[in-house]
């Protein structure tokens, strides 16, 4: 798993296909991609919490920090 950065999203503006889109459609596409990224992050956090919640209480915090860096 990797954490996506703004640099990766901004690289998409350099695609020739985006230059052919009208400004309104390019903006809509950008907003959709950004919303999808936010949804992905929220869903990943929820999944991690669910996974760690299945562990015995004394192991939860330590396991989460080891496996996911305290995310």
PDB file of N, CA and C in Angstrom:
ATOM      1  N   UNK A   1       0.843  -1.182   0.000  1.00  0.00           N
ATOM      2  CA  UNK A   1       0.000   0.000   0.000  1.00  0.00           C
ATOM      3  C   UNK A   1       0.882   1.236   0.000  1.00  0.00           C
ATOM      4  N   UNK A   2       0.454   2.213  -0.724  1.00  0.00           N
ATOM      5  CA  UNK A   2       1.171   3.478  -0.736  1.00  0.00           C
ATOM      6  C   UNK A   2       0.201   4.606  -0.468  1.00  0.00           C
ATOM      7  N   UNK A   3       0.739   5.668   0.047  1.00  0.00           N
ATOM      8  CA  UNK A   3      -0.062   6.860   0.257  1.00  0.00           C
ATOM      9  C   UNK A   3       0.109   7.742  -0.964  1.00  0.00           C
ATOM     10  N   UNK A   4      -0.991   8.099  -1.584  1.00  0.00           N
ATOM     11  CA  UNK A   4      -0.916   8.941  -2.776  1.00  0.00           C
ATOM     12  C   UNK A   4      -0.690  10.385  -2.373  1.00  0.00           C
ATOM     13  N   UNK A   5       0.100  11.053  -3.161  1.00  0.00           N
ATOM     14  CA  UNK A   5       0.408  12.448  -2.858  1.00  0.00           C
ATOM     15  C   UNK A   5      -0.253  13.359  -3.875  1.00  0.00           C
ATOM     16  N   UNK A   6      -0.289  14.622  -3.552  1.00  0.00           N
ATOM     17  CA  UNK A   6      -0.831  15.607  -4.485  1.00  0.00           C
ATOM     18  C   UNK A   6      -0.025  15.627  -5.782  1.00  0.00           C
ATOM     19  N   UNK A   7       1.250  15.317  -5.686  1.00  0.00           N
ATOM     20  CA  UNK A   7       2.107  15.301  -6.876  1.00  0.00           C
ATOM     21  C   UNK A   7       1.609  14.252  -7.879  1.00  0.00           C
ATOM     22  N   UNK A   8       1.181  13.087  -7.372  1.00  0.00           N
ATOM     23  CA  UNK A   8       0.673  12.051  -8.267  1.00  0.00           C
ATOM     24  C   UNK A   8      -0.610  12.513  -8.947  1.00  0.00           C
ATOM     25  N   UNK A   9      -1.472  13.218  -8.209  1.00  0.00           N
ATOM     26  CA  UNK A   9      -2.714  13.712  -8.800  1.00  0.00           C
ATOM     27  C   UNK A   9      -2.434  14.843  -9.783  1.00  0.00           C
ATOM     28  N   UNK A  10      -1.457  15.682  -9.468  1.00  0.00           N
ATOM     29  CA  UNK A  10      -1.173  16.803 -10.359  1.00  0.00           C
ATOM     30  C   UNK A  10      -0.520  16.335 -11.654  1.00  0.00           C
ATOM     31  N   UNK A  11       0.110  15.164 -11.627  1.00  0.00           N
ATOM     32  CA  UNK A  11       0.720  14.638 -12.845  1.00  0.00           C
ATOM     33  C   UNK A  11      -0.345  14.328 -13.890  1.00  0.00           C
ATOM     34  N   UNK A  12      -1.571  14.088 -13.444  1.00  0.00           N
ATOM     35  CA  UNK A  12      -2.654  13.778 -14.382  1.00  0.00           C
ATOM     36  C   UNK A  12      -2.990  14.980 -15.263  1.00  0.00           C
ATOM     37  N   UNK A  13      -2.683  16.184 -14.823  1.00  0.00           N
ATOM     38  CA  UNK A  13      -2.977  17.365 -15.635  1.00  0.00           C
ATOM     39  C   UNK A  13      -2.070  17.459 -16.846  1.00  0.00           C
ATOM     40  N   UNK A  14      -1.001  16.660 -16.858  1.00  0.00           N
ATOM     41  CA  UNK A  14      -0.054  16.683 -17.957  1.00  0.00           C
ATOM     42  C   UNK A  14      -0.433  15.700 -19.061  1.00  0.00           C
ATOM     43  N   UNK A  15      -1.540  15.007 -18.913  1.00  0.00           N
ATOM     44  CA  UNK A  15      -1.966  14.058 -19.927  1.00  0.00           C
ATOM     45  C   UNK A  15      -2.545  14.797 -21.133  1.00  0.00           C
ATOM     46  N   UNK A  16      -2.136  14.426 -22.329  1.00  0.00           N
ATOM     47  CA  UNK A  16      -2.657  15.094 -23.531  1.00  0.00           C
ATOM     48  C   UNK A  16      -4.174  14.981 -23.666  1.00  0.00           C
ATOM     49  N   UNK A  17      -4.745  13.873 -23.215  1.00  0.00           N
ATOM     50  CA  UNK A  17      -6.193  13.698 -23.335  1.00  0.00           C
ATOM     51  C   UNK A  17      -6.947  14.749 -22.527  1.00  0.00           C
ATOM     52  N   UNK A  18      -6.391  15.176 -21.395  1.00  0.00           N
ATOM     53  CA  UNK A  18      -7.058  16.198 -20.586  1.00  0.00           C
ATOM     54  C   UNK A  18      -7.052  17.556 -21.274  1.00  0.00           C
ATOM     55  N   UNK A  19      -6.049  17.800 -22.075  1.00  0.00           N
ATOM     56  CA  UNK A  19      -5.989  19.085 -22.791  1.00  0.00           C
ATOM     57  C   UNK A  19      -7.096  19.209 -23.832  1.00  0.00           C
ATOM     58  N   UNK A  20      -7.606  18.076 -24.285  1.00  0.00           N
ATOM     59  CA  UNK A  20      -8.652  18.086 -25.292  1.00  0.00           C
ATOM     60  C   UNK A  20     -10.042  18.255 -24.679  1.00  0.00           C
ATOM     61  N   UNK A  21     -10.156  18.084 -23.380  1.00  0.00           N
ATOM     62  CA  UNK A  21     -11.444  18.242 -22.709  1.00  0.00           C
ATOM     63  C   UNK A  21     -11.760  19.719 -22.500  1.00  0.00           C
ATOM     64  N   UNK A  22     -13.021  20.062 -22.555  1.00  0.00           N
ATOM     65  CA  UNK A  22     -13.409  21.425 -22.170  1.00  0.00           C
ATOM     66  C   UNK A  22     -13.084  21.646 -20.685  1.00  0.00           C
ATOM     67  N   UNK A  23     -12.882  22.882 -20.312  1.00  0.00           N
ATOM     68  CA  UNK A  23     -12.483  23.209 -18.942  1.00  0.00           C
ATOM     69  C   UNK A  23     -13.479  22.663 -17.925  1.00  0.00           C
ATOM     70  N   UNK A  24     -14.749  22.793 -18.203  1.00  0.00           N
ATOM     71  CA  UNK A  24     -15.779  22.326 -17.277  1.00  0.00           C
ATOM     72  C   UNK A  24     -15.678  20.805 -17.050  1.00  0.00           C
ATOM     73  N   UNK A  25     -15.490  20.050 -18.120  1.00  0.00           N
ATOM     74  CA  UNK A  25     -15.391  18.596 -17.990  1.00  0.00           C
ATOM     75  C   UNK A  25     -14.099  18.192 -17.287  1.00  0.00           C
ATOM     76  N   UNK A  26     -13.007  18.881 -17.564  1.00  0.00           N
ATOM     77  CA  UNK A  26     -11.741  18.589 -16.899  1.00  0.00           C
ATOM     78  C   UNK A  26     -11.860  18.862 -15.400  1.00  0.00           C
ATOM     79  N   UNK A  27     -12.543  19.947 -15.048  1.00  0.00           N
ATOM     80  CA  UNK A  27     -12.745  20.273 -13.636  1.00  0.00           C
ATOM     81  C   UNK A  27     -13.615  19.218 -12.955  1.00  0.00           C
ATOM     82  N   UNK A  28     -14.680  18.775 -13.641  1.00  0.00           N
ATOM     83  CA  UNK A  28     -15.542  17.728 -13.095  1.00  0.00           C
ATOM     84  C   UNK A  28     -14.771  16.434 -12.884  1.00  0.00           C
ATOM     85  N   UNK A  29     -13.939  16.090 -13.848  1.00  0.00           N
ATOM     86  CA  UNK A  29     -13.132  14.883 -13.732  1.00  0.00           C
ATOM     87  C   UNK A  29     -12.171  14.990 -12.560  1.00  0.00           C
ATOM     88  N   UNK A  30     -11.547  16.145 -12.418  1.00  0.00           N
ATOM     89  CA  UNK A  30     -10.630  16.364 -11.301  1.00  0.00           C
ATOM     90  C   UNK A  30     -11.357  16.222  -9.972  1.00  0.00           C
ATOM     91  N   UNK A  31     -12.543  16.804  -9.846  1.00  0.00           N
ATOM     92  CA  UNK A  31     -13.308  16.705  -8.608  1.00  0.00           C
ATOM     93  C   UNK A  31     -13.716  15.263  -8.308  1.00  0.00           C
ATOM     94  N   UNK A  32     -14.071  14.514  -9.346  1.00  0.00           N
ATOM     95  CA  UNK A  32     -14.419  13.107  -9.155  1.00  0.00           C
ATOM     96  C   UNK A  32     -13.232  12.297  -8.650  1.00  0.00           C
ATOM     97  N   UNK A  33     -12.060  12.553  -9.218  1.00  0.00           N
ATOM     98  CA  UNK A  33     -10.860  11.832  -8.794  1.00  0.00           C
ATOM     99  C   UNK A  33     -10.508  12.195  -7.357  1.00  0.00           C
ATOM    100  N   UNK A  34     -10.633  13.472  -7.025  1.00  0.00           N
ATOM    101  CA  UNK A  34     -10.334  13.895  -5.653  1.00  0.00           C
ATOM    102  C   UNK A  34     -11.325  13.297  -4.662  1.00  0.00           C
ATOM    103  N   UNK A  35     -12.603  13.264  -5.019  1.00  0.00           N
ATOM    104  CA  UNK A  35     -13.616  12.662  -4.148  1.00  0.00           C
ATOM    105  C   UNK A  35     -13.372  11.163  -3.991  1.00  0.00           C
ATOM    106  N   UNK A  36     -12.963  10.515  -5.067  1.00  0.00           N
ATOM    107  CA  UNK A  36     -12.668   9.079  -4.992  1.00  0.00           C
ATOM    108  C   UNK A  36     -11.486   8.820  -4.066  1.00  0.00           C
ATOM    109  N   UNK A  37     -10.483   9.694  -4.117  1.00  0.00           N
ATOM    110  CA  UNK A  37      -9.332   9.557  -3.216  1.00  0.00           C
ATOM    111  C   UNK A  37      -9.724   9.721  -1.761  1.00  0.00           C
ATOM    112  N   UNK A  38     -10.586  10.693  -1.482  1.00  0.00           N
ATOM    113  CA  UNK A  38     -11.055  10.901  -0.109  1.00  0.00           C
ATOM    114  C   UNK A  38     -11.888   9.712   0.367  1.00  0.00           C
ATOM    115  N   UNK A  39     -12.732   9.190  -0.522  1.00  0.00           N
ATOM    116  CA  UNK A  39     -13.549   8.029  -0.182  1.00  0.00           C
ATOM    117  C   UNK A  39     -12.662   6.816   0.076  1.00  0.00           C
ATOM    118  N   UNK A  40     -11.642   6.643  -0.752  1.00  0.00           N
ATOM    119  CA  UNK A  40     -10.713   5.526  -0.582  1.00  0.00           C
ATOM    120  C   UNK A  40     -10.009   5.607   0.774  1.00  0.00           C
ATOM    121  N   UNK A  41      -9.547   6.786   1.146  1.00  0.00           N
ATOM    122  CA  UNK A  41      -8.853   6.963   2.427  1.00  0.00           C
ATOM    123  C   UNK A  41      -9.785   6.676   3.595  1.00  0.00           C
ATOM    124  N   UNK A  42     -11.016   7.181   3.532  1.00  0.00           N
ATOM    125  CA  UNK A  42     -11.975   6.953   4.611  1.00  0.00           C
ATOM    126  C   UNK A  42     -12.327   5.478   4.719  1.00  0.00           C
ATOM    127  N   UNK A  43     -12.507   4.816   3.597  1.00  0.00           N
ATOM    128  CA  UNK A  43     -12.840   3.393   3.602  1.00  0.00           C
ATOM    129  C   UNK A  43     -11.675   2.568   4.125  1.00  0.00           C
ATOM    130  N   UNK A  44     -10.455   2.944   3.761  1.00  0.00           N
ATOM    131  CA  UNK A  44      -9.274   2.236   4.250  1.00  0.00           C
ATOM    132  C   UNK A  44      -9.151   2.384   5.755  1.00  0.00           C
ATOM    133  N   UNK A  45      -9.362   3.585   6.281  1.00  0.00           N
ATOM    134  CA  UNK A  45      -9.304   3.790   7.725  1.00  0.00           C
ATOM    135  C   UNK A  45     -10.362   2.960   8.445  1.00  0.00           C
ATOM    136  N   UNK A  46     -11.552   2.908   7.889  1.00  0.00           N
ATOM    137  CA  UNK A  46     -12.630   2.118   8.485  1.00  0.00           C
ATOM    138  C   UNK A  46     -12.283   0.627   8.476  1.00  0.00           C
ATOM    139  N   UNK A  47     -11.703   0.160   7.390  1.00  0.00           N
ATOM    140  CA  UNK A  47     -11.313  -1.245   7.280  1.00  0.00           C
ATOM    141  C   UNK A  47     -10.208  -1.592   8.272  1.00  0.00           C
ATOM    142  N   UNK A  48      -9.240  -0.699   8.405  1.00  0.00           N
ATOM    143  CA  UNK A  48      -8.149  -0.925   9.356  1.00  0.00           C
ATOM    144  C   UNK A  48      -8.700  -0.991  10.777  1.00  0.00           C
ATOM    145  N   UNK A  49      -9.573  -0.059  11.128  1.00  0.00           N
ATOM    146  CA  UNK A  49     -10.172  -0.067  12.463  1.00  0.00           C
ATOM    147  C   UNK A  49     -10.965  -1.342  12.710  1.00  0.00           C
ATOM    148  N   UNK A  50     -11.675  -1.825  11.701  1.00  0.00           N
ATOM    149  CA  UNK A  50     -12.448  -3.051  11.821  1.00  0.00           C
ATOM    150  C   UNK A  50     -11.526  -4.250  12.032  1.00  0.00           C
ATOM    151  N   UNK A  51     -10.432  -4.301  11.275  1.00  0.00           N
ATOM    152  CA  UNK A  51      -9.477  -5.392  11.391  1.00  0.00           C
ATOM    153  C   UNK A  51      -8.827  -5.407  12.767  1.00  0.00           C
ATOM    154  N   UNK A  52      -8.354  -4.265  13.201  1.00  0.00           N
ATOM    155  CA  UNK A  52      -7.683  -4.172  14.493  1.00  0.00           C
ATOM    156  C   UNK A  52      -8.679  -4.419  15.626  1.00  0.00           C
ATOM    157  N   UNK A  53      -9.936  -4.034  15.438  1.00  0.00           N
ATOM    158  CA  UNK A  53     -10.959  -4.248  16.458  1.00  0.00           C
ATOM    159  C   UNK A  53     -11.235  -5.709  16.733  1.00  0.00           C
ATOM    160  N   UNK A  54     -10.859  -6.596  15.823  1.00  0.00           N
ATOM    161  CA  UNK A  54     -11.065  -8.034  16.020  1.00  0.00           C
ATOM    162  C   UNK A  54      -9.998  -8.646  16.919  1.00  0.00           C
ATOM    163  N   UNK A  55      -8.926  -7.915  17.161  1.00  0.00           N
ATOM    164  CA  UNK A  55      -7.851  -8.420  18.012  1.00  0.00           C
ATOM    165  C   UNK A  55      -8.202  -8.227  19.488  1.00  0.00           C
ATOM    166  N   UNK A  56      -7.567  -8.995  20.368  1.00  0.00           N
ATOM    167  CA  UNK A  56      -7.760  -8.759  21.808  1.00  0.00           C
ATOM    168  C   UNK A  56      -7.305  -7.346  22.169  1.00  0.00           C
ATOM    169  N   UNK A  57      -7.989  -6.741  23.125  1.00  0.00           N
ATOM    170  CA  UNK A  57      -7.747  -5.349  23.489  1.00  0.00           C
ATOM    171  C   UNK A  57      -6.270  -5.004  23.742  1.00  0.00           C
ATOM    172  N   UNK A  58      -5.502  -5.820  24.485  1.00  0.00           N
ATOM    173  CA  UNK A  58      -4.098  -5.428  24.747  1.00  0.00           C
ATOM    174  C   UNK A  58      -3.230  -5.348  23.487  1.00  0.00           C
ATOM    175  N   UNK A  59      -3.630  -6.021  22.429  1.00  0.00           N
ATOM    176  CA  UNK A  59      -2.814  -6.043  21.215  1.00  0.00           C
ATOM    177  C   UNK A  59      -3.209  -4.996  20.189  1.00  0.00           C
ATOM    178  N   UNK A  60      -4.351  -4.372  20.315  1.00  0.00           N
ATOM    179  CA  UNK A  60      -4.883  -3.481  19.281  1.00  0.00           C
ATOM    180  C   UNK A  60      -3.957  -2.331  18.931  1.00  0.00           C
ATOM    181  N   UNK A  61      -3.581  -1.565  19.919  1.00  0.00           N
ATOM    182  CA  UNK A  61      -2.771  -0.372  19.653  1.00  0.00           C
ATOM    183  C   UNK A  61      -1.409  -0.741  19.070  1.00  0.00           C
ATOM    184  N   UNK A  62      -0.778  -1.761  19.655  1.00  0.00           N
ATOM    185  CA  UNK A  62       0.546  -2.174  19.188  1.00  0.00           C
ATOM    186  C   UNK A  62       0.464  -2.727  17.768  1.00  0.00           C
ATOM    187  N   UNK A  63      -0.507  -3.581  17.505  1.00  0.00           N
ATOM    188  CA  UNK A  63      -0.650  -4.169  16.170  1.00  0.00           C
ATOM    189  C   UNK A  63      -0.933  -3.082  15.123  1.00  0.00           C
ATOM    190  N   UNK A  64      -1.774  -2.135  15.456  1.00  0.00           N
ATOM    191  CA  UNK A  64      -2.093  -1.067  14.502  1.00  0.00           C
ATOM    192  C   UNK A  64      -0.864  -0.233  14.184  1.00  0.00           C
ATOM    193  N   UNK A  65      -0.080   0.046  15.210  1.00  0.00           N
ATOM    194  CA  UNK A  65       1.117   0.866  14.988  1.00  0.00           C
ATOM    195  C   UNK A  65       2.151   0.117  14.156  1.00  0.00           C
ATOM    196  N   UNK A  66       2.319  -1.184  14.434  1.00  0.00           N
ATOM    197  CA  UNK A  66       3.285  -1.988  13.695  1.00  0.00           C
ATOM    198  C   UNK A  66       2.846  -2.176  12.248  1.00  0.00           C
ATOM    199  N   UNK A  67       1.597  -2.562  12.059  1.00  0.00           N
ATOM    200  CA  UNK A  67       1.125  -2.916  10.715  1.00  0.00           C
ATOM    201  C   UNK A  67       0.841  -1.694   9.843  1.00  0.00           C
ATOM    202  N   UNK A  68       0.336  -0.615  10.423  1.00  0.00           N
ATOM    203  CA  UNK A  68      -0.128   0.512   9.613  1.00  0.00           C
ATOM    204  C   UNK A  68       0.506   1.838  10.002  1.00  0.00           C
ATOM    205  N   UNK A  69       1.493   1.826  10.846  1.00  0.00           N
ATOM    206  CA  UNK A  69       2.189   3.047  11.204  1.00  0.00           C
ATOM    207  C   UNK A  69       1.329   4.024  11.994  1.00  0.00           C
ATOM    208  N   UNK A  70       0.385   3.528  12.757  1.00  0.00           N
ATOM    209  CA  UNK A  70      -0.455   4.393  13.582  1.00  0.00           C
ATOM    210  C   UNK A  70      -1.514   5.138  12.799  1.00  0.00           C
ATOM    211  N   UNK A  71      -1.802   4.698  11.614  1.00  0.00           N
ATOM    212  CA  UNK A  71      -2.792   5.360  10.761  1.00  0.00           C
ATOM    213  C   UNK A  71      -4.142   5.463  11.418  1.00  0.00           C
TER     214      UNK A  71
END
